[in-house]
């Protein structure tokens, strides 16, 4: 979904209290620290794939491996290595606050963001809205 601007239509819409597994493919030659707002994620696996010939269906070039020792447990930011598919698992629990939070008039849900934590990438809008529907 990167390559789109933040203001473009939302492509990631989930339901509150749902658990999802996402596969994120890094097609670049750089490692990107991807940060998720609202939700902590668990790294399930990493698997190399042929990024140069990726057409929406990955050709995996090696076996999946589990997270490194320092990646075990829940994280806010996950390293996305070049030419790898990183699989993460997350549960979307909305925060409990003592006041009413209105949904976004733009999306009708609670709007958060996930993005690359490299400052230059943030400044160039390498981020996407993440909408949580109640």
Foldseek 3Di string as FASTA:
>chain_A
DFVDFQPPDAPAEAAAQDKDKDKDAALDQDKFWKFWPQKWKAWAWKFAFDSVPDDPDTHTDDDIDGDDPVRGDTHRIDIHHHRMIIMIMITRHGDDDPDDDADDPVHRFNKDKMATPPVVRVVVRRMYIHGYHD
